[in-house]
C-alpha atoms as a PDB file:
ATOM      1  CA  MET A   1      78.135  92.378  64.366  1.00  0.00           C
ATOM      2  CA  TYR A   2      79.480  91.639  60.912  1.00  0.00           C
ATOM      3  CA  ASP A   3      78.175  93.976  58.195  1.00  0.00           C
ATOM      4  CA  ASP A   4      78.025  92.151  54.821  1.00  0.00           C
ATOM      5  CA  TYR A   5      77.378  95.380  52.932  1.00  0.00           C
ATOM      6  CA  PHE A   6      80.591  97.105  54.121  1.00  0.00           C
ATOM      7  CA  GLY A   7      82.545  93.871  54.542  1.00  0.00           C
ATOM      8  CA  GLY A   8      83.576  94.440  58.152  1.00  0.00           C
ATOM      9  CA  TYR A   9      82.438  94.554  61.736  1.00  0.00           C
ATOM     10  CA  ARG A  10      80.196  97.320  62.974  1.00  0.00           C
ATOM     11  CA  ILE A  11      79.313  98.506  66.456  1.00  0.00           C
ATOM     12  CA  THR A  12      76.010 100.165  67.234  1.00  0.00           C
ATOM     13  CA  ALA A  13      74.865 101.684  70.491  1.00  0.00           C
ATOM     14  CA  ASP A  14      71.561 102.928  71.820  1.00  0.00           C
ATOM     15  CA  THR A  15      73.202 105.001  74.555  1.00  0.00           C
ATOM     16  CA  ILE A  16      76.745 106.202  75.178  1.00  0.00           C
ATOM     17  CA  TYR A  17      77.854 107.319  78.655  1.00  0.00           C
ATOM     18  CA  ASP A  18      80.990 109.090  79.781  1.00  0.00           C
ATOM     19  CA  ILE A  19      82.763 107.440  82.726  1.00  0.00           C
ATOM     20  CA  THR A  20      81.068 109.643  85.337  1.00  0.00           C
ATOM     21  CA  GLU A  21      77.584 108.967  83.963  1.00  0.00           C
ATOM     22  CA  ALA A  22      78.310 105.228  83.706  1.00  0.00           C
ATOM     23  CA  ARG A  23      79.573 105.148  87.295  1.00  0.00           C
ATOM     24  CA  GLN A  24      76.475 106.958  88.579  1.00  0.00           C
ATOM     25  CA  LYS A  25      74.115 104.693  86.646  1.00  0.00           C
ATOM     26  CA  PHE A  26      75.768 101.284  87.068  1.00  0.00           C
ATOM     27  CA  ALA A  27      77.864 101.351  90.263  1.00  0.00           C
ATOM     28  CA  ARG A  28      76.587  98.856  92.819  1.00  0.00           C
ATOM     29  CA  ARG A  29      78.766 100.249  95.611  1.00  0.00           C
ATOM     30  CA  LEU A  30      81.910 102.180  96.457  1.00  0.00           C
ATOM     31  CA  GLU A  31      84.336 100.245  98.666  1.00  0.00           C
ATOM     32  CA  ILE A  32      87.089 101.886 100.693  1.00  0.00           C
ATOM     33  CA  ASN A  33      89.877 100.009 102.455  1.00  0.00           C
ATOM     34  CA  LEU A  34      90.781 101.960 105.593  1.00  0.00           C
ATOM     35  CA  GLN A  35      93.570 101.092 107.973  1.00  0.00           C
ATOM     36  CA  GLU A  36      93.923 102.797 111.330  1.00  0.00           C
ATOM     37  CA  ASN A  37      97.492 103.231 112.482  1.00  0.00           C
ATOM     38  CA  ASN A  38      98.832 103.655 116.014  1.00  0.00           C
ATOM     39  CA  GLY A  39      95.498 104.544 117.624  1.00  0.00           C
ATOM     40  CA  ASP A  40      94.929 107.513 115.302  1.00  0.00           C
ATOM     41  CA  HIS A  41      91.134 107.808 115.347  1.00  0.00           C
ATOM     42  CA  SER A  42      91.038 110.892 113.105  1.00  0.00           C
ATOM     43  CA  ILE A  43      90.446 108.717 110.025  1.00  0.00           C
ATOM     44  CA  VAL A  44      86.688 108.640 110.749  1.00  0.00           C
ATOM     45  CA  HIS A  45      86.530 112.432 110.966  1.00  0.00           C
ATOM     46  CA  GLN A  46      88.572 112.751 107.753  1.00  0.00           C
ATOM     47  CA  LEU A  47      86.298 110.266 105.965  1.00  0.00           C
ATOM     48  CA  ASN A  48      83.262 112.299 107.040  1.00  0.00           C
ATOM     49  CA  GLN A  49      84.821 115.455 105.582  1.00  0.00           C
ATOM     50  CA  VAL A  50      85.611 113.748 102.272  1.00  0.00           C
ATOM     51  CA  LEU A  51      82.234 112.035 101.791  1.00  0.00           C
ATOM     52  CA  ASN A  52      79.941 114.821 103.021  1.00  0.00           C
ATOM     53  CA  PRO A  53      80.019 117.056  99.888  1.00  0.00           C
ATOM     54  CA  PHE A  54      79.147 114.067  97.661  1.00  0.00           C
ATOM     55  CA  ARG A  55      76.154 112.767  99.650  1.00  0.00           C
ATOM     56  CA  GLU A  56      72.646 112.489  98.275  1.00  0.00           C
ATOM     57  CA  GLY A  57      73.771 110.220  95.448  1.00  0.00           C
ATOM     58  CA  SER A  58      72.578 106.705  94.768  1.00  0.00           C
ATOM     59  CA  CYS A  59      75.790 104.710  95.325  1.00  0.00           C
ATOM     60  CA  PRO A  60      76.148 102.850  98.658  1.00  0.00           C
ATOM     61  CA  VAL A  61      79.467 103.107 100.513  1.00  0.00           C
ATOM     62  CA  TRP A  62      81.154 100.143 102.185  1.00  0.00           C
ATOM     63  CA  ILE A  63      84.186 100.429 104.434  1.00  0.00           C
ATOM     64  CA  ASN A  64      86.691  97.586 104.836  1.00  0.00           C
ATOM     65  CA  TYR A  65      88.159  98.669 108.173  1.00  0.00           C
ATOM     66  CA  LYS A  66      91.357  97.212 109.582  1.00  0.00           C
ATOM     67  CA  ARG A  67      93.632  97.850 112.518  1.00  0.00           C
ATOM     68  CA  ASP A  68      96.055  95.623 114.368  1.00  0.00           C
ATOM     69  CA  ASP A  69      93.471  93.806 116.487  1.00  0.00           C
ATOM     70  CA  VAL A  70      90.272  93.960 114.407  1.00  0.00           C
ATOM     71  CA  MET A  71      88.850  93.809 110.894  1.00  0.00           C
ATOM     72  CA  ALA A  72      85.306  94.732 109.881  1.00  0.00           C
ATOM     73  CA  LYS A  73      83.243  95.266 106.757  1.00  0.00           C
ATOM     74  CA  LEU A  74      80.799  98.129 107.298  1.00  0.00           C
ATOM     75  CA  ALA A  75      77.981  99.274 105.041  1.00  0.00           C
ATOM     76  CA  LEU A  76      77.157 102.930 105.679  1.00  0.00           C
ATOM     77  CA  SER A  77      73.499 103.883 106.012  1.00  0.00           C
ATOM     78  CA  ASP A  78      71.456 105.145 103.064  1.00  0.00           C
ATOM     79  CA  ASP A  79      72.049 108.703 104.332  1.00  0.00           C
ATOM     80  CA  TRP A  80      75.653 108.281 103.181  1.00  0.00           C
ATOM     81  CA  ARG A  81      74.983 107.225  99.598  1.00  0.00           C
ATOM     82  CA  VAL A  82      77.244 109.236  97.306  1.00  0.00           C
ATOM     83  CA  GLN A  83      77.743 110.429  93.754  1.00  0.00           C
ATOM     84  CA  PRO A  84      80.842 108.414  92.724  1.00  0.00           C
ATOM     85  CA  SER A  85      82.549 111.208  90.800  1.00  0.00           C
ATOM     86  CA  ASP A  86      86.194 111.420  89.746  1.00  0.00           C
ATOM     87  CA  GLU A  87      86.731 114.126  92.370  1.00  0.00           C
ATOM     88  CA  LEU A  88      85.388 111.939  95.192  1.00  0.00           C
ATOM     89  CA  ILE A  89      87.517 108.988  94.130  1.00  0.00           C
ATOM     90  CA  HIS A  90      90.586 111.237  93.912  1.00  0.00           C
ATOM     91  CA  ARG A  91      89.975 112.586  97.440  1.00  0.00           C
ATOM     92  CA  LEU A  92      89.419 109.086  98.807  1.00  0.00           C
ATOM     93  CA  ASP A  93      92.650 107.907  97.142  1.00  0.00           C
ATOM     94  CA  LYS A  94      94.490 110.666  99.030  1.00  0.00           C
ATOM     95  CA  LEU A  95      92.860 109.612 102.315  1.00  0.00           C
ATOM     96  CA  ALA A  96      93.028 105.814 102.010  1.00  0.00           C
ATOM     97  CA  GLY A  97      95.990 105.501  99.662  1.00  0.00           C
ATOM     98  CA  GLU A  98      96.241 104.402  96.040  1.00  0.00           C
ATOM     99  CA  ASP A  99      94.532 101.090  95.202  1.00  0.00           C
ATOM    100  CA  ASN A 100      92.280 101.258  98.288  1.00  0.00           C
ATOM    101  CA  VAL A 101      89.171 102.691  96.617  1.00  0.00           C
ATOM    102  CA  PHE A 102      87.037 100.507  94.346  1.00  0.00           C
ATOM    103  CA  VAL A 103      83.843 101.015  92.379  1.00  0.00           C
ATOM    104  CA  VAL A 104      82.003  97.696  92.225  1.00  0.00           C
ATOM    105  CA  TYR A 105      79.719  97.268  89.203  1.00  0.00           C
END
């Protein structure tokens, strides 16, 4: 808003969040693009290992699964809701590859 007294624009805020707090409060879901290669089914086990320490959050997880003969969009059950922290996103980037993990607001 423009402040006539100071002769410039001014920003006011009721609440300020850091990125982790904002993600936890406003994220609608965490989406992961997963591609299975050459019949390697270990990706599901690896995903379990990555997500498990971050469970009991409020953010739903969706998987966009793809392999040569099939594509599916899967919403994990409420038991797999996570805390979408920087650490989780970093681990998922390592598993799924850069640009395959998205926080949807």
